[in-house]
Amino acid sequence: LYMSRGQPAQRGMLLHDEDFTIVAKYQAEYRG
């Protein structure tokens, strides 16, 4: 879900969010 062509890749759908929000979303998915 976090890779493209075999390598970790950025998530375009989050590029316009604040850094705080991006980190919080990643942590919610990982922690769950």
PDB file of all heavy atoms in Angstrom:
ATOM      1  N   LEU A   1       0.815  -1.208   0.000  1.00  0.00           N
ATOM      2  CA  LEU A   1       0.000   0.000   0.000  1.00  0.00           C
ATOM      3  C   LEU A   1       0.850   1.260   0.000  1.00  0.00           C
ATOM      4  O   LEU A   1       0.370   2.341  -0.364  1.00  0.00           O
ATOM      5  CB  LEU A   1      -0.933   0.006   1.216  1.00  0.00           C
ATOM      6  CG  LEU A   1      -1.953  -1.126   1.303  1.00  0.00           C
ATOM      7  CD1 LEU A   1      -2.727  -1.033   2.610  1.00  0.00           C
ATOM      8  CD2 LEU A   1      -2.905  -1.080   0.121  1.00  0.00           C
ATOM      9  N   TYR A   2       2.092   1.148   0.442  1.00  0.00           N
ATOM     10  CA  TYR A   2       2.969   2.314   0.568  1.00  0.00           C
ATOM     11  C   TYR A   2       4.159   2.228  -0.382  1.00  0.00           C
ATOM     12  O   TYR A   2       5.149   2.930  -0.189  1.00  0.00           O
ATOM     13  CB  TYR A   2       3.473   2.424   2.020  1.00  0.00           C
ATOM     14  CG  TYR A   2       2.366   2.426   3.020  1.00  0.00           C
ATOM     15  CD1 TYR A   2       1.929   1.237   3.608  1.00  0.00           C
ATOM     16  CD2 TYR A   2       1.710   3.607   3.361  1.00  0.00           C
ATOM     17  CE1 TYR A   2       0.891   1.237   4.517  1.00  0.00           C
ATOM     18  CE2 TYR A   2       0.667   3.611   4.263  1.00  0.00           C
ATOM     19  CZ  TYR A   2       0.260   2.422   4.833  1.00  0.00           C
ATOM     20  OH  TYR A   2      -0.782   2.423   5.731  1.00  0.00           O
ATOM     21  N   MET A   3       4.050   1.370  -1.397  1.00  0.00           N
ATOM     22  CA  MET A   3       5.163   1.157  -2.321  1.00  0.00           C
ATOM     23  C   MET A   3       4.728   1.348  -3.767  1.00  0.00           C
ATOM     24  O   MET A   3       3.537   1.242  -4.093  1.00  0.00           O
ATOM     25  CB  MET A   3       5.752  -0.247  -2.133  1.00  0.00           C
ATOM     26  CG  MET A   3       6.254  -0.533  -0.731  1.00  0.00           C
ATOM     27  SD  MET A   3       6.853  -2.225  -0.497  1.00  0.00           S
ATOM     28  CE  MET A   3       8.368  -2.159  -1.451  1.00  0.00           C
ATOM     29  N   SER A   4       5.708   1.627  -4.612  1.00  0.00           N
ATOM     30  CA  SER A   4       5.487   1.721  -6.049  1.00  0.00           C
ATOM     31  C   SER A   4       6.756   1.229  -6.734  1.00  0.00           C
ATOM     32  O   SER A   4       7.860   1.663  -6.399  1.00  0.00           O
ATOM     33  CB  SER A   4       5.198   3.169  -6.461  1.00  0.00           C
ATOM     34  OG  SER A   4       5.065   3.279  -7.868  1.00  0.00           O
ATOM     35  N   ARG A   5       6.586   0.280  -7.651  1.00  0.00           N
ATOM     36  CA  ARG A   5       7.717  -0.318  -8.364  1.00  0.00           C
ATOM     37  C   ARG A   5       8.740  -0.905  -7.404  1.00  0.00           C
ATOM     38  O   ARG A   5       9.948  -0.791  -7.603  1.00  0.00           O
ATOM     39  CB  ARG A   5       8.377   0.714  -9.278  1.00  0.00           C
ATOM     40  CG  ARG A   5       7.443   1.264 -10.353  1.00  0.00           C
ATOM     41  CD  ARG A   5       8.131   2.263 -11.232  1.00  0.00           C
ATOM     42  NE  ARG A   5       7.211   2.779 -12.258  1.00  0.00           N
ATOM     43  CZ  ARG A   5       7.533   3.711 -13.153  1.00  0.00           C
ATOM     44  NH1 ARG A   5       8.763   4.213 -13.152  1.00  0.00           N
ATOM     45  NH2 ARG A   5       6.644   4.129 -14.033  1.00  0.00           N
ATOM     46  N   GLY A   6       8.243  -1.507  -6.336  1.00  0.00           N
ATOM     47  CA  GLY A   6       9.106  -2.205  -5.406  1.00  0.00           C
ATOM     48  C   GLY A   6       9.813  -1.337  -4.389  1.00  0.00           C
ATOM     49  O   GLY A   6      10.602  -1.842  -3.582  1.00  0.00           O
ATOM     50  N   GLN A   7       9.527  -0.019  -4.365  1.00  0.00           N
ATOM     51  CA  GLN A   7      10.178   0.887  -3.427  1.00  0.00           C
ATOM     52  C   GLN A   7       9.131   1.712  -2.689  1.00  0.00           C
ATOM     53  O   GLN A   7       8.073   2.017  -3.242  1.00  0.00           O
ATOM     54  CB  GLN A   7      11.132   1.837  -4.173  1.00  0.00           C
ATOM     55  CG  GLN A   7      12.288   1.150  -4.869  1.00  0.00           C
ATOM     56  CD  GLN A   7      13.255   0.518  -3.887  1.00  0.00           C
ATOM     57  OE1 GLN A   7      13.442   1.008  -2.770  1.00  0.00           O
ATOM     58  NE2 GLN A   7      13.876  -0.578  -4.301  1.00  0.00           N
ATOM     59  N   PRO A   8       9.407   2.087  -1.405  1.00  0.00           N
ATOM     60  CA  PRO A   8       8.484   2.982  -0.695  1.00  0.00           C
ATOM     61  C   PRO A   8       8.283   4.266  -1.485  1.00  0.00           C
ATOM     62  O   PRO A   8       9.240   4.822  -2.038  1.00  0.00           O
ATOM     63  CB  PRO A   8       9.198   3.241   0.637  1.00  0.00           C
ATOM     64  CG  PRO A   8      10.100   2.065   0.822  1.00  0.00           C
ATOM     65  CD  PRO A   8      10.543   1.671  -0.556  1.00  0.00           C
ATOM     66  N   ALA A   9       7.041   4.728  -1.555  1.00  0.00           N
ATOM     67  CA  ALA A   9       6.726   5.891  -2.385  1.00  0.00           C
ATOM     68  C   ALA A   9       5.840   6.859  -1.621  1.00  0.00           C
ATOM     69  O   ALA A   9       5.180   6.502  -0.644  1.00  0.00           O
ATOM     70  CB  ALA A   9       6.023   5.444  -3.669  1.00  0.00           C
ATOM     71  N   GLN A  10       5.842   8.091  -2.075  1.00  0.00           N
ATOM     72  CA  GLN A  10       4.980   9.106  -1.457  1.00  0.00           C
ATOM     73  C   GLN A  10       3.524   8.842  -1.823  1.00  0.00           C
ATOM     74  O   GLN A  10       3.229   8.179  -2.812  1.00  0.00           O
ATOM     75  CB  GLN A  10       5.379  10.504  -1.913  1.00  0.00           C
ATOM     76  CG  GLN A  10       5.173  10.756  -3.392  1.00  0.00           C
ATOM     77  CD  GLN A  10       5.492  12.174  -3.808  1.00  0.00           C
ATOM     78  OE1 GLN A  10       4.858  12.708  -4.706  1.00  0.00           O
ATOM     79  NE2 GLN A  10       6.472  12.797  -3.178  1.00  0.00           N
ATOM     80  N   ARG A  11       2.621   9.370  -1.011  1.00  0.00           N
ATOM     81  CA  ARG A  11       1.181   9.223  -1.248  1.00  0.00           C
ATOM     82  C   ARG A  11       0.642  10.558  -1.735  1.00  0.00           C
ATOM     83  O   ARG A  11       0.504  11.512  -0.975  1.00  0.00           O
ATOM     84  CB  ARG A  11       0.472   8.768   0.024  1.00  0.00           C
ATOM     85  CG  ARG A  11       0.965   7.417   0.522  1.00  0.00           C
ATOM     86  CD  ARG A  11       0.429   7.068   1.891  1.00  0.00           C
ATOM     87  NE  ARG A  11      -0.985   6.736   1.847  1.00  0.00           N
ATOM     88  CZ  ARG A  11      -1.704   6.452   2.939  1.00  0.00           C
ATOM     89  NH1 ARG A  11      -1.126   6.459   4.134  1.00  0.00           N
ATOM     90  NH2 ARG A  11      -2.975   6.157   2.836  1.00  0.00           N
ATOM     91  N   GLY A  12       0.337  10.607  -3.023  1.00  0.00           N
ATOM     92  CA  GLY A  12      -0.082  11.855  -3.631  1.00  0.00           C
ATOM     93  C   GLY A  12      -1.329  12.452  -3.007  1.00  0.00           C
ATOM     94  O   GLY A  12      -1.474  13.675  -2.960  1.00  0.00           O
ATOM     95  N   MET A  13      -2.231  11.604  -2.502  1.00  0.00           N
ATOM     96  CA  MET A  13      -3.484  12.109  -1.950  1.00  0.00           C
ATOM     97  C   MET A  13      -3.275  12.912  -0.671  1.00  0.00           C
ATOM     98  O   MET A  13      -4.175  13.638  -0.238  1.00  0.00           O
ATOM     99  CB  MET A  13      -4.436  10.943  -1.656  1.00  0.00           C
ATOM    100  CG  MET A  13      -3.914   9.942  -0.655  1.00  0.00           C
ATOM    101  SD  MET A  13      -5.027   8.546  -0.370  1.00  0.00           S
ATOM    102  CE  MET A  13      -6.395   9.377   0.443  1.00  0.00           C
ATOM    103  N   LEU A  14      -2.089  12.816  -0.063  1.00  0.00           N
ATOM    104  CA  LEU A  14      -1.817  13.537   1.184  1.00  0.00           C
ATOM    105  C   LEU A  14      -0.922  14.756   0.986  1.00  0.00           C
ATOM    106  O   LEU A  14      -0.640  15.461   1.960  1.00  0.00           O
ATOM    107  CB  LEU A  14      -1.158  12.599   2.196  1.00  0.00           C
ATOM    108  CG  LEU A  14      -1.940  11.358   2.613  1.00  0.00           C
ATOM    109  CD1 LEU A  14      -1.142  10.550   3.638  1.00  0.00           C
ATOM    110  CD2 LEU A  14      -3.307  11.726   3.185  1.00  0.00           C
ATOM    111  N   LEU A  15      -0.473  15.014  -0.232  1.00  0.00           N
ATOM    112  CA  LEU A  15       0.533  16.041  -0.443  1.00  0.00           C
ATOM    113  C   LEU A  15       0.058  17.429  -0.043  1.00  0.00           C
ATOM    114  O   LEU A  15       0.870  18.297   0.268  1.00  0.00           O
ATOM    115  CB  LEU A  15       0.975  16.052  -1.910  1.00  0.00           C
ATOM    116  CG  LEU A  15       1.842  14.868  -2.358  1.00  0.00           C
ATOM    117  CD1 LEU A  15       2.189  14.993  -3.821  1.00  0.00           C
ATOM    118  CD2 LEU A  15       3.100  14.774  -1.510  1.00  0.00           C
ATOM    119  N   HIS A  16      -1.244  17.680  -0.051  1.00  0.00           N
ATOM    120  CA  HIS A  16      -1.751  19.012   0.262  1.00  0.00           C
ATOM    121  C   HIS A  16      -2.149  19.152   1.733  1.00  0.00           C
ATOM    122  O   HIS A  16      -2.635  20.198   2.139  1.00  0.00           O
ATOM    123  CB  HIS A  16      -2.946  19.343  -0.632  1.00  0.00           C
ATOM    124  CG  HIS A  16      -2.599  19.390  -2.091  1.00  0.00           C
ATOM    125  ND1 HIS A  16      -1.782  20.351  -2.633  1.00  0.00           N
ATOM    126  CD2 HIS A  16      -2.927  18.564  -3.116  1.00  0.00           C
ATOM    127  CE1 HIS A  16      -1.634  20.142  -3.926  1.00  0.00           C
ATOM    128  NE2 HIS A  16      -2.323  19.062  -4.245  1.00  0.00           N
ATOM    129  N   ASP A  17      -1.931  18.121   2.538  1.00  0.00           N
ATOM    130  CA  ASP A  17      -2.224  18.190   3.966  1.00  0.00           C
ATOM    131  C   ASP A  17      -1.041  18.777   4.724  1.00  0.00           C
ATOM    132  O   ASP A  17       0.086  18.807   4.237  1.00  0.00           O
ATOM    133  CB  ASP A  17      -2.553  16.803   4.520  1.00  0.00           C
ATOM    134  CG  ASP A  17      -3.920  16.318   4.087  1.00  0.00           C
ATOM    135  OD1 ASP A  17      -4.690  17.135   3.558  1.00  0.00           O
ATOM    136  OD2 ASP A  17      -4.222  15.131   4.283  1.00  0.00           O
ATOM    137  N   GLU A  18      -1.312  19.245   5.941  1.00  0.00           N
ATOM    138  CA  GLU A  18      -0.247  19.735   6.814  1.00  0.00           C
ATOM    139  C   GLU A  18       0.622  18.567   7.275  1.00  0.00           C
ATOM    140  O   GLU A  18       0.171  17.418   7.328  1.00  0.00           O
ATOM    141  CB  GLU A  18      -0.862  20.442   8.029  1.00  0.00           C
ATOM    142  CG  GLU A  18      -1.754  21.621   7.691  1.00  0.00           C
ATOM    143  CD  GLU A  18      -0.964  22.846   7.276  1.00  0.00           C
ATOM    144  OE1 GLU A  18       0.264  22.855   7.497  1.00  0.00           O
ATOM    145  OE2 GLU A  18      -1.578  23.779   6.733  1.00  0.00           O
ATOM    146  N   ASP A  19       1.869  18.863   7.658  1.00  0.00           N
ATOM    147  CA  ASP A  19       2.776  17.822   8.146  1.00  0.00           C
ATOM    148  C   ASP A  19       2.178  17.104   9.357  1.00  0.00           C
ATOM    149  O   ASP A  19       2.288  15.882   9.488  1.00  0.00           O
ATOM    150  CB  ASP A  19       4.128  18.425   8.525  1.00  0.00           C
ATOM    151  CG  ASP A  19       4.937  18.835   7.300  1.00  0.00           C
ATOM    152  OD1 ASP A  19       4.437  18.623   6.176  1.00  0.00           O
ATOM    153  OD2 ASP A  19       6.048  19.361   7.467  1.00  0.00           O
ATOM    154  N   PHE A  20       1.540  17.855  10.236  1.00  0.00           N
ATOM    155  CA  PHE A  20       0.916  17.265  11.426  1.00  0.00           C
ATOM    156  C   PHE A  20      -0.116  16.218  11.033  1.00  0.00           C
ATOM    157  O   PHE A  20      -0.143  15.114  11.574  1.00  0.00           O
ATOM    158  CB  PHE A  20       0.252  18.369  12.253  1.00  0.00           C
ATOM    159  CG  PHE A  20      -0.495  17.874  13.469  1.00  0.00           C
ATOM    160  CD1 PHE A  20       0.123  17.809  14.708  1.00  0.00           C
ATOM    161  CD2 PHE A  20      -1.821  17.472  13.377  1.00  0.00           C
ATOM    162  CE1 PHE A  20      -0.560  17.358  15.823  1.00  0.00           C
ATOM    163  CE2 PHE A  20      -2.513  17.011  14.479  1.00  0.00           C
ATOM    164  CZ  PHE A  20      -1.878  16.961  15.713  1.00  0.00           C
ATOM    165  N   THR A  21      -0.953  16.552  10.061  1.00  0.00           N
ATOM    166  CA  THR A  21      -2.011  15.645   9.640  1.00  0.00           C
ATOM    167  C   THR A  21      -1.449  14.408   8.954  1.00  0.00           C
ATOM    168  O   THR A  21      -1.922  13.286   9.177  1.00  0.00           O
ATOM    169  CB  THR A  21      -2.970  16.365   8.683  1.00  0.00           C
ATOM    170  OG1 THR A  21      -3.455  17.547   9.328  1.00  0.00           O
ATOM    171  CG2 THR A  21      -4.144  15.484   8.319  1.00  0.00           C
ATOM    172  N   ILE A  22      -0.426  14.586   8.114  1.00  0.00           N
ATOM    173  CA  ILE A  22       0.175  13.457   7.412  1.00  0.00           C
ATOM    174  C   ILE A  22       0.742  12.455   8.408  1.00  0.00           C
ATOM    175  O   ILE A  22       0.493  11.246   8.318  1.00  0.00           O
ATOM    176  CB  ILE A  22       1.273  13.949   6.454  1.00  0.00           C
ATOM    177  CG1 ILE A  22       0.671  14.819   5.350  1.00  0.00           C
ATOM    178  CG2 ILE A  22       2.016  12.767   5.838  1.00  0.00           C
ATOM    179  CD1 ILE A  22       1.704  15.499   4.476  1.00  0.00           C
ATOM    180  N   VAL A  23       1.498  12.949   9.399  1.00  0.00           N
ATOM    181  CA  VAL A  23       2.098  12.063  10.399  1.00  0.00           C
ATOM    182  C   VAL A  23       1.013  11.374  11.213  1.00  0.00           C
ATOM    183  O   VAL A  23       1.086  10.173  11.499  1.00  0.00           O
ATOM    184  CB  VAL A  23       3.059  12.852  11.314  1.00  0.00           C
ATOM    185  CG1 VAL A  23       3.561  11.969  12.453  1.00  0.00           C
ATOM    186  CG2 VAL A  23       4.244  13.378  10.511  1.00  0.00           C
ATOM    187  N   ALA A  24      -0.029  12.107  11.599  1.00  0.00           N
ATOM    188  CA  ALA A  24      -1.109  11.527  12.400  1.00  0.00           C
ATOM    189  C   ALA A  24      -1.830  10.412  11.635  1.00  0.00           C
ATOM    190  O   ALA A  24      -2.197   9.382  12.223  1.00  0.00           O
ATOM    191  CB  ALA A  24      -2.101  12.615  12.805  1.00  0.00           C
ATOM    192  N   LYS A  25      -2.019  10.567  10.330  1.00  0.00           N
ATOM    193  CA  LYS A  25      -2.708   9.554   9.541  1.00  0.00           C
ATOM    194  C   LYS A  25      -1.864   8.295   9.397  1.00  0.00           C
ATOM    195  O   LYS A  25      -2.365   7.176   9.524  1.00  0.00           O
ATOM    196  CB  LYS A  25      -3.067  10.122   8.167  1.00  0.00           C
ATOM    197  CG  LYS A  25      -4.182  11.163   8.222  1.00  0.00           C
ATOM    198  CD  LYS A  25      -4.481  11.742   6.857  1.00  0.00           C
ATOM    199  CE  LYS A  25      -5.636  12.744   6.941  1.00  0.00           C
ATOM    200  NZ  LYS A  25      -5.949  13.354   5.637  1.00  0.00           N
ATOM    201  N   TYR A  26      -0.581   8.476   9.128  1.00  0.00           N
ATOM    202  CA  TYR A  26       0.307   7.311   9.042  1.00  0.00           C
ATOM    203  C   TYR A  26       0.329   6.556  10.366  1.00  0.00           C
ATOM    204  O   TYR A  26       0.279   5.322  10.398  1.00  0.00           O
ATOM    205  CB  TYR A  26       1.725   7.745   8.675  1.00  0.00           C
ATOM    206  CG  TYR A  26       2.012   7.761   7.190  1.00  0.00           C
ATOM    207  CD1 TYR A  26       1.638   8.837   6.400  1.00  0.00           C
ATOM    208  CD2 TYR A  26       2.681   6.704   6.582  1.00  0.00           C
ATOM    209  CE1 TYR A  26       1.916   8.861   5.037  1.00  0.00           C
ATOM    210  CE2 TYR A  26       2.965   6.719   5.222  1.00  0.00           C
ATOM    211  CZ  TYR A  26       2.573   7.801   4.453  1.00  0.00           C
ATOM    212  OH  TYR A  26       2.842   7.813   3.106  1.00  0.00           O
ATOM    213  N   GLN A  27       0.412   7.296  11.471  1.00  0.00           N
ATOM    214  CA  GLN A  27       0.484   6.636  12.773  1.00  0.00           C
ATOM    215  C   GLN A  27      -0.806   5.894  13.094  1.00  0.00           C
ATOM    216  O   GLN A  27      -0.771   4.790  13.675  1.00  0.00           O
ATOM    217  CB  GLN A  27       0.772   7.666  13.872  1.00  0.00           C
ATOM    218  CG  GLN A  27       0.826   7.104  15.288  1.00  0.00           C
ATOM    219  CD  GLN A  27       2.075   6.278  15.553  1.00  0.00           C
ATOM    220  OE1 GLN A  27       2.762   5.856  14.642  1.00  0.00           O
ATOM    221  NE2 GLN A  27       2.364   6.047  16.820  1.00  0.00           N
ATOM    222  N   ALA A  28      -1.953   6.451  12.728  1.00  0.00           N
ATOM    223  CA  ALA A  28      -3.223   5.782  13.000  1.00  0.00           C
ATOM    224  C   ALA A  28      -3.291   4.443  12.272  1.00  0.00           C
ATOM    225  O   ALA A  28      -3.740   3.432  12.833  1.00  0.00           O
ATOM    226  CB  ALA A  28      -4.390   6.680  12.584  1.00  0.00           C
ATOM    227  N   GLU A  29      -2.826   4.412  11.026  1.00  0.00           N
ATOM    228  CA  GLU A  29      -2.846   3.170  10.251  1.00  0.00           C
ATOM    229  C   GLU A  29      -1.852   2.151  10.821  1.00  0.00           C
ATOM    230  O   GLU A  29      -2.159   0.966  10.947  1.00  0.00           O
ATOM    231  CB  GLU A  29      -2.522   3.469   8.787  1.00  0.00           C
ATOM    232  CG  GLU A  29      -3.572   4.355   8.114  1.00  0.00           C
ATOM    233  CD  GLU A  29      -3.149   4.810   6.730  1.00  0.00           C
ATOM    234  OE1 GLU A  29      -1.958   4.631   6.385  1.00  0.00           O
ATOM    235  OE2 GLU A  29      -3.994   5.345   5.993  1.00  0.00           O
ATOM    236  N   TYR A  30      -0.652   2.633  11.164  1.00  0.00           N
ATOM    237  CA  TYR A  30       0.386   1.736  11.682  1.00  0.00           C
ATOM    238  C   TYR A  30       0.015   1.212  13.071  1.00  0.00           C
ATOM    239  O   TYR A  30       0.114   0.013  13.348  1.00  0.00           O
ATOM    240  CB  TYR A  30       1.716   2.485  11.731  1.00  0.00           C
ATOM    241  CG  TYR A  30       2.848   1.705  12.358  1.00  0.00           C
ATOM    242  CD1 TYR A  30       3.359   0.564  11.743  1.00  0.00           C
ATOM    243  CD2 TYR A  30       3.406   2.105  13.568  1.00  0.00           C
ATOM    244  CE1 TYR A  30       4.401  -0.148  12.316  1.00  0.00           C
ATOM    245  CE2 TYR A  30       4.444   1.401  14.144  1.00  0.00           C
ATOM    246  CZ  TYR A  30       4.934   0.277  13.515  1.00  0.00           C
ATOM    247  OH  TYR A  30       5.951  -0.440  14.093  1.00  0.00           O
ATOM    248  N   ARG A  31      -0.434   2.081  13.947  1.00  0.00           N
ATOM    249  CA  ARG A  31      -0.769   1.677  15.308  1.00  0.00           C
ATOM    250  C   ARG A  31      -1.904   0.656  15.324  1.00  0.00           C
ATOM    251  O   ARG A  31      -1.873  -0.311  16.092  1.00  0.00           O
ATOM    252  CB  ARG A  31      -1.171   2.905  16.134  1.00  0.00           C
ATOM    253  CG  ARG A  31      -1.509   2.578  17.601  1.00  0.00           C
ATOM    254  CD  ARG A  31      -1.851   3.843  18.369  1.00  0.00           C
ATOM    255  NE  ARG A  31      -2.982   4.535  17.768  1.00  0.00           N
ATOM    256  CZ  ARG A  31      -2.933   5.779  17.320  1.00  0.00           C
ATOM    257  NH1 ARG A  31      -1.812   6.465  17.396  1.00  0.00           N
ATOM    258  NH2 ARG A  31      -4.000   6.347  16.790  1.00  0.00           N
ATOM    259  N   GLY A  32      -2.904   0.847  14.458  1.00  0.00           N
ATOM    260  CA  GLY A  32      -4.022  -0.092  14.430  1.00  0.00           C
ATOM    261  C   GLY A  32      -3.579  -1.503  14.086  1.00  0.00           C
ATOM    262  O   GLY A  32      -4.035  -2.474  14.695  1.00  0.00           O
TER     263      GLY A  32
END
